[in-house]
């Protein structure tokens, strides 16, 4: 009597970040441990300097204040482009975080402020995307001096995310690339608005 054949094993789904993620986690932990002597206050200052609770409300407020009767309703194209980029960043980072759902490093300290539910996830780094968006967009604007300082700040802010234990290296690299893309997209939006609207001072 023929024996019943064993059921075929269910296909194994590849784990997100497997292999590369393990290497990323190991390198990130090593960097975090290596730079523990760096004053945490300095790293926290960089964290605050790249916080979305500052970068989104401030340009929006300046944009609203600039639209006065004296300006005939015209507003600064620089502020419009920056606000557009920051809104795009908020949407893109939030969507990617909830889709990928990569947990933050286990050694992340409990002194991190979580604004929305998506902030619980690690990939990509919103601070990195925001910092590189601001640096790239402002460096492309006319009349902006010391452009290299903007990118030094963006790089330092991104590095601080790994050293604080908030993110893995891959998170901040992806965030930086996303921020550069957002700056390019914001410039395209601004170019379109300047050529089709009269409410901007271009």
N, C-alpha and C. Protein backbone atom coordinates (compact mmCIF):
# COMPACT_ATOMS: atom_id res chain seq x y z
N UNK A 1 0.84 -1.18 0.00
CA UNK A 1 0.00 0.00 0.00
C UNK A 1 0.88 1.25 0.00
N UNK A 2 0.66 2.09 -0.95
CA UNK A 2 1.52 3.26 -1.07
C UNK A 2 1.25 4.22 0.05
N UNK A 3 2.31 4.76 0.63
CA UNK A 3 2.17 5.72 1.73
C UNK A 3 1.82 7.09 1.16
N UNK A 4 1.06 7.84 1.94
CA UNK A 4 0.67 9.18 1.50
C UNK A 4 1.89 10.08 1.44
N UNK A 5 1.98 10.82 0.40
CA UNK A 5 3.14 11.72 0.27
C UNK A 5 3.03 12.88 1.25
N UNK A 6 4.19 13.31 1.77
CA UNK A 6 4.23 14.41 2.74
C UNK A 6 3.87 15.71 2.05
N UNK A 7 3.13 16.58 2.73
CA UNK A 7 2.77 17.86 2.12
C UNK A 7 4.00 18.70 1.83
N UNK A 8 3.96 19.40 0.72
CA UNK A 8 5.08 20.25 0.34
C UNK A 8 5.22 21.39 1.34
N UNK A 9 6.44 21.71 1.73
CA UNK A 9 6.63 22.81 2.68
C UNK A 9 6.17 24.14 2.08
N UNK A 10 5.63 24.96 2.94
CA UNK A 10 5.17 26.27 2.49
C UNK A 10 6.36 27.12 2.10
N UNK A 11 6.23 27.90 1.05
CA UNK A 11 7.36 28.74 0.64
C UNK A 11 7.72 29.74 1.73
N UNK A 12 9.01 29.92 1.92
CA UNK A 12 9.50 30.84 2.94
C UNK A 12 9.59 32.23 2.34
N UNK A 13 8.94 33.15 2.99
CA UNK A 13 8.98 34.54 2.53
C UNK A 13 10.28 35.19 2.98
N UNK A 14 10.97 35.84 2.08
CA UNK A 14 12.22 36.50 2.49
C UNK A 14 11.95 37.60 3.50
N UNK A 15 12.70 37.62 4.58
CA UNK A 15 12.52 38.64 5.61
C UNK A 15 13.06 39.97 5.11
N UNK A 16 12.36 41.03 5.46
CA UNK A 16 12.84 42.36 5.09
C UNK A 16 14.18 42.62 5.75
N UNK A 17 15.09 43.20 4.99
CA UNK A 17 16.41 43.58 5.51
C UNK A 17 17.26 42.38 5.93
N UNK A 18 16.90 41.15 5.54
CA UNK A 18 17.72 40.00 5.90
C UNK A 18 19.06 40.12 5.18
N UNK A 19 20.10 39.63 5.78
CA UNK A 19 21.43 39.71 5.17
C UNK A 19 21.99 41.11 5.25
N UNK A 20 21.55 41.95 4.35
CA UNK A 20 22.00 43.35 4.35
C UNK A 20 21.60 44.04 5.65
N UNK A 21 20.39 43.71 6.13
CA UNK A 21 19.92 44.31 7.38
C UNK A 21 20.77 43.91 8.57
N UNK A 22 21.21 42.64 8.58
CA UNK A 22 22.05 42.17 9.68
C UNK A 22 23.39 42.90 9.69
N UNK A 23 23.95 43.08 8.50
CA UNK A 23 25.21 43.81 8.39
C UNK A 23 25.01 45.27 8.79
N UNK A 24 23.93 45.85 8.32
CA UNK A 24 23.61 47.23 8.66
C UNK A 24 23.47 47.41 10.17
N UNK A 25 22.77 46.47 10.81
CA UNK A 25 22.57 46.53 12.26
C UNK A 25 23.89 46.41 13.01
N UNK A 26 24.76 45.51 12.54
CA UNK A 26 26.05 45.30 13.20
C UNK A 26 26.94 46.54 13.08
N UNK A 27 26.99 47.12 11.88
CA UNK A 27 27.81 48.32 11.67
C UNK A 27 27.25 49.48 12.49
N UNK A 28 25.94 49.60 12.51
CA UNK A 28 25.30 50.71 13.24
C UNK A 28 25.57 50.60 14.73
N UNK A 29 25.47 49.39 15.27
CA UNK A 29 25.74 49.18 16.69
C UNK A 29 27.19 49.49 17.01
N UNK A 30 28.10 49.09 16.11
CA UNK A 30 29.51 49.35 16.32
C UNK A 30 29.79 50.85 16.35
N UNK A 31 29.20 51.59 15.42
CA UNK A 31 29.38 53.05 15.38
C UNK A 31 28.79 53.71 16.62
N UNK A 32 27.62 53.25 17.03
CA UNK A 32 26.97 53.79 18.22
C UNK A 32 27.85 53.61 19.45
N UNK A 33 28.43 52.41 19.59
CA UNK A 33 29.28 52.13 20.74
C UNK A 33 30.61 52.89 20.67
N UNK A 34 31.15 53.02 19.45
CA UNK A 34 32.44 53.67 19.26
C UNK A 34 32.39 55.15 19.60
N UNK A 35 31.25 55.78 19.33
CA UNK A 35 31.12 57.23 19.52
C UNK A 35 30.32 57.59 20.77
N UNK A 36 30.22 56.67 21.70
CA UNK A 36 29.55 56.98 22.97
C UNK A 36 30.19 58.15 23.72
N UNK A 37 31.53 58.35 23.60
CA UNK A 37 32.12 59.51 24.30
C UNK A 37 31.65 60.86 23.76
N UNK A 38 31.08 60.90 22.56
CA UNK A 38 30.59 62.19 22.03
C UNK A 38 29.48 62.70 22.95
N UNK A 39 29.57 63.96 23.38
CA UNK A 39 28.54 64.49 24.29
C UNK A 39 27.13 64.31 23.74
N UNK A 40 26.29 63.69 24.52
CA UNK A 40 24.91 63.44 24.07
C UNK A 40 24.16 64.75 23.85
N UNK A 41 24.52 65.77 24.62
CA UNK A 41 23.87 67.08 24.47
C UNK A 41 24.09 67.63 23.06
N UNK A 42 25.27 67.43 22.49
CA UNK A 42 25.57 67.88 21.14
C UNK A 42 24.71 67.13 20.12
N UNK A 43 24.60 65.82 20.31
CA UNK A 43 23.80 65.02 19.40
C UNK A 43 22.31 65.37 19.50
N UNK A 44 21.87 65.65 20.72
CA UNK A 44 20.47 66.05 20.91
C UNK A 44 20.20 67.42 20.28
N UNK A 45 21.21 68.30 20.30
CA UNK A 45 21.05 69.61 19.67
C UNK A 45 20.87 69.45 18.16
N UNK A 46 21.63 68.53 17.55
CA UNK A 46 21.46 68.25 16.13
C UNK A 46 20.09 67.64 15.86
N UNK A 47 19.62 66.82 16.78
CA UNK A 47 18.30 66.22 16.64
C UNK A 47 17.21 67.30 16.62
N UNK A 48 17.32 68.24 17.53
CA UNK A 48 16.34 69.33 17.60
C UNK A 48 16.43 70.21 16.35
N UNK A 49 17.67 70.45 15.86
CA UNK A 49 17.86 71.31 14.70
C UNK A 49 17.26 70.72 13.43
N UNK A 50 17.05 69.42 13.41
CA UNK A 50 16.46 68.78 12.23
C UNK A 50 15.04 68.32 12.46
N UNK A 51 14.44 68.76 13.55
CA UNK A 51 13.10 68.29 13.93
C UNK A 51 12.02 68.90 13.04
N UNK A 52 11.09 68.07 12.60
CA UNK A 52 10.00 68.54 11.76
C UNK A 52 9.06 69.48 12.47
N UNK A 53 9.02 69.43 13.79
CA UNK A 53 8.16 70.36 14.55
C UNK A 53 8.67 71.79 14.48
N UNK A 54 9.92 71.95 14.00
CA UNK A 54 10.47 73.29 13.77
C UNK A 54 10.40 73.62 12.28
N UNK A 55 10.85 72.67 11.45
CA UNK A 55 11.03 72.97 10.04
C UNK A 55 9.73 73.13 9.27
N UNK A 56 8.65 72.53 9.70
CA UNK A 56 7.39 72.72 8.97
C UNK A 56 6.62 73.96 9.43
N UNK A 57 6.40 74.17 10.74
CA UNK A 57 5.62 75.34 11.15
C UNK A 57 6.30 76.69 10.86
N UNK A 58 7.61 76.76 10.98
CA UNK A 58 8.29 78.05 10.81
C UNK A 58 8.17 78.57 9.37
N UNK A 59 8.50 77.77 8.34
CA UNK A 59 8.32 78.29 6.97
C UNK A 59 6.86 78.60 6.63
N UNK A 60 5.93 77.79 7.15
CA UNK A 60 4.51 78.06 6.90
C UNK A 60 4.11 79.40 7.53
N UNK A 61 4.57 79.64 8.75
CA UNK A 61 4.26 80.91 9.43
C UNK A 61 4.85 82.09 8.67
N UNK A 62 6.11 81.96 8.23
CA UNK A 62 6.74 83.03 7.47
C UNK A 62 6.02 83.27 6.14
N UNK A 63 5.54 82.19 5.54
CA UNK A 63 4.81 82.30 4.29
C UNK A 63 3.51 83.08 4.48
N UNK A 64 2.79 82.76 5.54
CA UNK A 64 1.54 83.45 5.83
C UNK A 64 1.78 84.91 6.18
N UNK A 65 2.84 85.17 6.92
CA UNK A 65 3.15 86.55 7.31
C UNK A 65 3.59 87.40 6.12
N UNK A 66 4.19 86.75 5.12
CA UNK A 66 4.69 87.50 3.97
C UNK A 66 3.58 87.92 3.02
N UNK A 67 2.43 87.25 3.10
CA UNK A 67 1.31 87.58 2.20
C UNK A 67 0.50 88.74 2.79
N UNK A 68 1.07 89.92 2.75
CA UNK A 68 0.43 91.12 3.31
C UNK A 68 -0.14 91.98 2.18
N UNK A 69 -1.06 92.90 2.50
CA UNK A 69 -1.57 93.82 1.46
C UNK A 69 -0.46 94.61 0.78
N UNK A 70 0.61 94.90 1.54
CA UNK A 70 1.72 95.67 0.96
C UNK A 70 2.43 94.89 -0.14
N UNK A 71 2.37 93.57 -0.05
CA UNK A 71 3.02 92.73 -1.06
C UNK A 71 2.09 92.38 -2.21
N UNK A 72 0.87 92.94 -2.20
CA UNK A 72 -0.15 92.66 -3.23
C UNK A 72 -0.50 91.18 -3.30
N UNK A 73 -0.36 90.52 -2.17
CA UNK A 73 -0.70 89.09 -2.12
C UNK A 73 0.38 88.17 -2.63
N UNK A 74 1.48 88.74 -3.14
CA UNK A 74 2.57 87.90 -3.65
C UNK A 74 3.40 87.36 -2.49
N UNK A 75 3.87 86.16 -2.66
CA UNK A 75 4.65 85.51 -1.60
C UNK A 75 5.99 85.04 -2.16
N UNK A 76 6.91 84.76 -1.25
CA UNK A 76 8.26 84.35 -1.62
C UNK A 76 8.25 82.96 -2.25
N UNK A 77 8.86 82.85 -3.42
CA UNK A 77 8.95 81.55 -4.08
C UNK A 77 9.82 80.59 -3.27
N UNK A 78 10.83 81.12 -2.58
CA UNK A 78 11.70 80.29 -1.76
C UNK A 78 10.90 79.60 -0.66
N UNK A 79 10.04 80.37 0.00
CA UNK A 79 9.23 79.78 1.07
C UNK A 79 8.21 78.78 0.53
N UNK A 80 7.61 79.10 -0.61
CA UNK A 80 6.63 78.19 -1.21
C UNK A 80 7.29 76.87 -1.57
N UNK A 81 8.46 76.94 -2.20
CA UNK A 81 9.17 75.71 -2.57
C UNK A 81 9.60 74.90 -1.36
N UNK A 82 10.05 75.61 -0.32
CA UNK A 82 10.48 74.92 0.89
C UNK A 82 9.30 74.23 1.58
N UNK A 83 8.18 74.92 1.68
CA UNK A 83 7.00 74.32 2.30
C UNK A 83 6.51 73.12 1.48
N UNK A 84 6.52 73.26 0.16
CA UNK A 84 6.12 72.14 -0.70
C UNK A 84 7.00 70.92 -0.46
N UNK A 85 8.30 71.15 -0.37
CA UNK A 85 9.22 70.05 -0.12
C UNK A 85 9.01 69.40 1.23
N UNK A 86 8.76 70.22 2.24
CA UNK A 86 8.57 69.68 3.59
C UNK A 86 7.27 68.89 3.70
N UNK A 87 6.24 69.32 2.98
CA UNK A 87 4.99 68.55 2.97
C UNK A 87 5.20 67.23 2.24
N UNK A 88 5.91 67.27 1.10
CA UNK A 88 6.23 66.03 0.39
C UNK A 88 7.02 65.09 1.28
N UNK A 89 7.97 65.64 2.02
CA UNK A 89 8.79 64.82 2.92
C UNK A 89 7.94 64.14 3.98
N UNK A 90 7.01 64.89 4.55
CA UNK A 90 6.13 64.34 5.57
C UNK A 90 5.33 63.16 5.01
N UNK A 91 4.82 63.31 3.80
CA UNK A 91 4.00 62.26 3.17
C UNK A 91 4.86 61.06 2.79
N UNK A 92 5.98 61.30 2.10
CA UNK A 92 6.81 60.20 1.62
C UNK A 92 7.40 59.39 2.77
N UNK A 93 7.95 60.08 3.76
CA UNK A 93 8.57 59.37 4.89
C UNK A 93 7.52 58.58 5.65
N UNK A 94 6.37 59.19 5.89
CA UNK A 94 5.31 58.48 6.60
C UNK A 94 4.84 57.23 5.88
N UNK A 95 4.66 57.35 4.55
CA UNK A 95 4.21 56.19 3.77
C UNK A 95 5.23 55.06 3.79
N UNK A 96 6.50 55.42 3.57
CA UNK A 96 7.54 54.38 3.55
C UNK A 96 7.68 53.71 4.91
N UNK A 97 7.60 54.49 5.97
CA UNK A 97 7.73 53.92 7.32
C UNK A 97 6.63 52.88 7.59
N UNK A 98 5.38 53.21 7.27
CA UNK A 98 4.29 52.29 7.59
C UNK A 98 4.27 51.09 6.66
N UNK A 99 4.87 51.22 5.46
CA UNK A 99 4.94 50.08 4.55
C UNK A 99 6.08 49.15 4.95
N UNK A 100 7.26 49.70 5.21
CA UNK A 100 8.43 48.88 5.53
C UNK A 100 8.37 48.37 6.97
N UNK A 101 8.00 49.24 7.90
CA UNK A 101 7.82 48.87 9.31
C UNK A 101 9.08 48.22 9.91
N UNK A 102 10.18 48.88 9.74
CA UNK A 102 11.43 48.39 10.35
C UNK A 102 11.53 48.93 11.77
N UNK A 103 11.66 48.06 12.76
CA UNK A 103 11.77 48.54 14.16
C UNK A 103 13.05 49.36 14.36
N UNK A 104 12.97 50.29 15.27
CA UNK A 104 14.16 51.06 15.61
C UNK A 104 15.14 50.18 16.38
N UNK A 105 16.41 50.58 16.47
CA UNK A 105 17.39 49.78 17.22
C UNK A 105 16.93 49.54 18.66
N UNK A 106 17.21 48.36 19.16
CA UNK A 106 16.78 47.99 20.51
C UNK A 106 17.46 48.85 21.57
N UNK A 107 18.63 49.42 21.25
CA UNK A 107 19.38 50.23 22.21
C UNK A 107 19.00 51.71 22.13
N UNK A 108 17.98 52.04 21.35
CA UNK A 108 17.51 53.43 21.28
C UNK A 108 16.99 53.85 22.66
N UNK A 109 17.48 54.99 23.14
CA UNK A 109 17.07 55.47 24.47
C UNK A 109 15.62 55.91 24.44
N UNK A 110 15.02 55.95 25.62
CA UNK A 110 13.59 56.28 25.73
C UNK A 110 13.35 57.79 25.77
N UNK A 111 14.36 58.59 25.39
CA UNK A 111 14.19 60.04 25.45
C UNK A 111 13.84 60.63 24.07
N UNK A 112 13.26 59.81 23.21
CA UNK A 112 12.89 60.26 21.88
C UNK A 112 11.43 60.65 21.86
N UNK A 113 11.15 61.83 21.26
CA UNK A 113 9.78 62.30 21.16
C UNK A 113 9.14 61.68 19.92
N UNK A 114 7.99 61.03 20.10
CA UNK A 114 7.26 60.42 18.99
C UNK A 114 6.04 61.28 18.70
N UNK A 115 6.03 61.92 17.53
CA UNK A 115 4.93 62.83 17.18
C UNK A 115 3.73 62.08 16.64
N UNK A 116 3.96 61.10 15.75
CA UNK A 116 2.88 60.32 15.16
C UNK A 116 3.26 58.85 15.23
N UNK A 117 2.27 57.99 14.97
CA UNK A 117 2.49 56.55 15.09
C UNK A 117 3.61 56.07 14.17
N UNK A 118 3.73 56.67 12.97
CA UNK A 118 4.76 56.24 12.03
C UNK A 118 6.16 56.45 12.57
N UNK A 119 6.33 57.36 13.54
CA UNK A 119 7.65 57.62 14.12
C UNK A 119 8.20 56.43 14.89
N UNK A 120 7.36 55.46 15.20
CA UNK A 120 7.84 54.26 15.88
C UNK A 120 8.75 53.44 14.97
N UNK A 121 8.63 53.63 13.67
CA UNK A 121 9.41 52.85 12.72
C UNK A 121 10.67 53.58 12.31
N UNK A 122 11.65 52.81 11.84
CA UNK A 122 13.00 53.34 11.68
C UNK A 122 13.37 53.73 10.26
N UNK A 123 12.81 53.07 9.27
CA UNK A 123 13.23 53.28 7.88
C UNK A 123 12.18 54.03 7.09
N UNK A 124 12.56 55.15 6.47
CA UNK A 124 13.86 55.83 6.48
C UNK A 124 13.91 56.88 7.59
N UNK A 125 15.05 57.51 7.74
CA UNK A 125 15.20 58.56 8.75
C UNK A 125 14.57 59.86 8.25
N UNK A 126 13.56 60.34 8.95
CA UNK A 126 12.92 61.60 8.59
C UNK A 126 13.83 62.79 8.82
N UNK A 127 14.66 62.72 9.86
CA UNK A 127 15.61 63.82 10.11
C UNK A 127 16.59 63.95 8.94
N UNK A 128 17.07 62.80 8.44
CA UNK A 128 18.03 62.83 7.33
C UNK A 128 17.38 63.35 6.06
N UNK A 129 16.18 62.87 5.76
CA UNK A 129 15.51 63.32 4.54
C UNK A 129 15.22 64.82 4.62
N UNK A 130 14.78 65.27 5.78
CA UNK A 130 14.45 66.68 5.97
C UNK A 130 15.70 67.56 5.86
N UNK A 131 16.78 67.12 6.49
CA UNK A 131 18.01 67.92 6.49
C UNK A 131 18.58 68.05 5.08
N UNK A 132 18.60 66.95 4.33
CA UNK A 132 19.15 67.00 2.98
C UNK A 132 18.20 67.70 2.02
N UNK A 133 16.90 67.61 2.25
CA UNK A 133 15.94 68.38 1.47
C UNK A 133 16.22 69.87 1.63
N UNK A 134 16.34 70.33 2.87
CA UNK A 134 16.56 71.74 3.16
C UNK A 134 17.91 72.19 2.58
N UNK A 135 18.95 71.39 2.80
CA UNK A 135 20.28 71.76 2.32
C UNK A 135 20.32 71.85 0.80
N UNK A 136 19.76 70.86 0.12
CA UNK A 136 19.80 70.83 -1.34
C UNK A 136 18.92 71.92 -1.94
N UNK A 137 17.74 72.11 -1.37
CA UNK A 137 16.84 73.12 -1.92
C UNK A 137 17.38 74.53 -1.74
N UNK A 138 17.86 74.84 -0.53
CA UNK A 138 18.38 76.17 -0.27
C UNK A 138 19.67 76.44 -1.03
N UNK A 139 20.49 75.39 -1.20
CA UNK A 139 21.75 75.59 -1.92
C UNK A 139 21.51 75.88 -3.40
N UNK A 140 20.35 75.45 -3.91
CA UNK A 140 20.01 75.72 -5.30
C UNK A 140 19.35 77.07 -5.49
N UNK A 141 19.02 77.74 -4.41
CA UNK A 141 18.37 79.05 -4.50
C UNK A 141 19.41 80.14 -4.72
N UNK A 142 19.04 81.17 -5.43
CA UNK A 142 19.95 82.28 -5.68
C UNK A 142 20.19 83.09 -4.43
N UNK A 143 21.40 83.60 -4.28
CA UNK A 143 21.72 84.48 -3.17
C UNK A 143 22.07 83.76 -1.88
N UNK A 144 22.08 82.43 -1.89
CA UNK A 144 22.41 81.68 -0.68
C UNK A 144 23.92 81.47 -0.63
N UNK A 145 24.54 81.91 0.45
CA UNK A 145 25.98 81.75 0.61
C UNK A 145 26.28 80.58 1.55
N UNK A 146 27.55 80.16 1.54
CA UNK A 146 28.03 79.09 2.42
C UNK A 146 27.19 77.82 2.25
N UNK A 147 27.01 77.44 0.99
CA UNK A 147 26.22 76.24 0.69
C UNK A 147 26.81 74.98 1.33
N UNK A 148 28.15 74.94 1.40
CA UNK A 148 28.79 73.75 1.97
C UNK A 148 28.41 73.58 3.44
N UNK A 149 28.16 74.69 4.15
CA UNK A 149 27.77 74.59 5.55
C UNK A 149 26.42 73.89 5.70
N UNK A 150 25.54 74.11 4.74
CA UNK A 150 24.23 73.44 4.78
C UNK A 150 24.39 71.93 4.70
N UNK A 151 25.27 71.47 3.83
CA UNK A 151 25.45 70.02 3.67
C UNK A 151 26.24 69.43 4.83
N UNK A 152 27.15 70.22 5.43
CA UNK A 152 27.84 69.74 6.63
C UNK A 152 26.83 69.54 7.76
N UNK A 153 25.90 70.50 7.90
CA UNK A 153 24.84 70.37 8.91
C UNK A 153 23.96 69.15 8.62
N UNK A 154 23.60 68.95 7.36
CA UNK A 154 22.74 67.81 6.99
C UNK A 154 23.45 66.49 7.28
N UNK A 155 24.74 66.41 6.95
CA UNK A 155 25.50 65.19 7.21
C UNK A 155 25.66 64.93 8.70
N UNK A 156 25.92 66.00 9.46
CA UNK A 156 26.08 65.86 10.92
C UNK A 156 24.76 65.43 11.56
N UNK A 157 23.66 66.02 11.09
CA UNK A 157 22.34 65.64 11.62
C UNK A 157 22.05 64.17 11.34
N UNK A 158 22.38 63.72 10.13
CA UNK A 158 22.16 62.32 9.76
C UNK A 158 23.03 61.39 10.60
N UNK A 159 24.30 61.76 10.78
CA UNK A 159 25.20 60.93 11.58
C UNK A 159 24.72 60.83 13.03
N UNK A 160 24.16 61.93 13.53
CA UNK A 160 23.70 61.93 14.92
C UNK A 160 22.59 60.92 15.16
N UNK A 161 21.83 60.59 14.11
CA UNK A 161 20.74 59.62 14.26
C UNK A 161 21.27 58.24 14.58
N UNK A 162 22.41 57.89 13.97
CA UNK A 162 23.04 56.59 14.23
C UNK A 162 23.73 56.62 15.59
N UNK A 163 24.42 57.71 15.89
CA UNK A 163 25.18 57.79 17.14
C UNK A 163 24.25 57.85 18.35
N UNK A 164 23.06 58.43 18.19
CA UNK A 164 22.08 58.44 19.28
C UNK A 164 21.39 57.10 19.45
N UNK A 165 21.50 56.23 18.44
CA UNK A 165 20.82 54.95 18.49
C UNK A 165 19.40 55.02 17.97
N UNK A 166 19.04 56.12 17.32
CA UNK A 166 17.69 56.27 16.79
C UNK A 166 17.47 55.45 15.52
N UNK A 167 18.54 55.34 14.70
CA UNK A 167 18.42 54.73 13.38
C UNK A 167 19.63 53.87 13.07
N UNK A 168 19.47 53.05 12.03
CA UNK A 168 20.57 52.31 11.45
C UNK A 168 21.17 53.14 10.31
N UNK A 169 22.38 52.76 9.88
CA UNK A 169 23.06 53.49 8.82
C UNK A 169 22.23 53.53 7.55
N UNK A 170 21.63 52.39 7.19
CA UNK A 170 20.84 52.32 5.97
C UNK A 170 19.64 53.26 6.03
N UNK A 171 19.10 53.46 7.21
CA UNK A 171 17.97 54.38 7.37
C UNK A 171 18.35 55.80 6.97
N UNK A 172 19.53 56.25 7.44
CA UNK A 172 19.92 57.63 7.17
C UNK A 172 20.40 57.81 5.73
N UNK A 173 21.02 56.78 5.16
CA UNK A 173 21.43 56.86 3.75
C UNK A 173 20.19 56.96 2.86
N UNK A 174 19.19 56.12 3.13
CA UNK A 174 17.95 56.18 2.36
C UNK A 174 17.25 57.52 2.58
N UNK A 175 17.27 58.03 3.81
CA UNK A 175 16.65 59.31 4.09
C UNK A 175 17.33 60.45 3.34
N UNK A 176 18.67 60.42 3.30
CA UNK A 176 19.41 61.47 2.58
C UNK A 176 19.08 61.44 1.09
N UNK A 177 19.03 60.25 0.51
CA UNK A 177 18.69 60.13 -0.92
C UNK A 177 17.27 60.62 -1.18
N UNK A 178 16.36 60.29 -0.28
CA UNK A 178 14.98 60.74 -0.42
C UNK A 178 14.90 62.26 -0.34
N UNK A 179 15.66 62.86 0.58
CA UNK A 179 15.67 64.31 0.71
C UNK A 179 16.18 65.00 -0.53
N UNK A 180 17.22 64.45 -1.16
CA UNK A 180 17.74 65.03 -2.41
C UNK A 180 16.70 64.94 -3.52
N UNK A 181 15.99 63.81 -3.57
CA UNK A 181 14.93 63.66 -4.57
C UNK A 181 13.81 64.66 -4.32
N UNK A 182 13.45 64.86 -3.07
CA UNK A 182 12.39 65.81 -2.73
C UNK A 182 12.78 67.24 -3.08
N UNK A 183 14.05 67.57 -2.90
CA UNK A 183 14.52 68.92 -3.27
C UNK A 183 14.40 69.13 -4.77
N UNK A 184 14.76 68.11 -5.54
CA UNK A 184 14.64 68.19 -7.00
C UNK A 184 13.17 68.32 -7.41
N UNK A 185 12.30 67.53 -6.77
CA UNK A 185 10.88 67.58 -7.09
C UNK A 185 10.28 68.94 -6.70
N UNK A 186 10.71 69.49 -5.58
CA UNK A 186 10.23 70.81 -5.14
C UNK A 186 10.64 71.89 -6.13
N UNK A 187 11.86 71.77 -6.65
CA UNK A 187 12.33 72.75 -7.64
C UNK A 187 11.49 72.69 -8.91
N UNK A 188 11.11 71.48 -9.31
CA UNK A 188 10.25 71.33 -10.48
C UNK A 188 8.88 71.97 -10.24
N UNK A 189 8.32 71.72 -9.06
CA UNK A 189 7.02 72.30 -8.71
C UNK A 189 7.12 73.81 -8.71
N UNK A 190 8.20 74.34 -8.15
CA UNK A 190 8.38 75.78 -8.07
C UNK A 190 8.53 76.40 -9.46
N UNK A 191 9.27 75.74 -10.33
CA UNK A 191 9.43 76.23 -11.70
C UNK A 191 8.08 76.28 -12.42
N UNK A 192 7.28 75.26 -12.22
CA UNK A 192 5.95 75.22 -12.83
C UNK A 192 5.08 76.36 -12.30
N UNK A 193 5.09 76.56 -10.98
CA UNK A 193 4.26 77.61 -10.37
C UNK A 193 4.71 79.00 -10.83
N UNK A 194 6.02 79.20 -10.94
CA UNK A 194 6.53 80.50 -11.36
C UNK A 194 6.13 80.83 -12.80
N UNK A 195 6.02 79.80 -13.63
CA UNK A 195 5.68 80.04 -15.04
C UNK A 195 4.18 80.11 -15.28
N UNK A 196 3.38 79.67 -14.30
CA UNK A 196 1.92 79.65 -14.50
C UNK A 196 1.15 80.49 -13.50
N UNK A 197 1.82 81.11 -12.55
CA UNK A 197 1.10 81.89 -11.55
C UNK A 197 1.70 83.26 -11.34
N UNK A 198 0.90 84.17 -10.84
CA UNK A 198 1.37 85.54 -10.61
C UNK A 198 1.45 85.87 -9.13
N UNK A 199 1.21 84.86 -8.27
CA UNK A 199 1.20 85.13 -6.84
C UNK A 199 2.56 84.95 -6.20
N UNK A 200 3.55 84.55 -7.00
CA UNK A 200 4.89 84.32 -6.47
C UNK A 200 5.85 85.42 -6.87
N UNK A 201 6.79 85.71 -5.99
CA UNK A 201 7.90 86.61 -6.32
C UNK A 201 9.05 85.71 -6.75
N UNK A 202 9.18 85.51 -8.04
CA UNK A 202 10.18 84.56 -8.56
C UNK A 202 11.41 85.30 -9.07
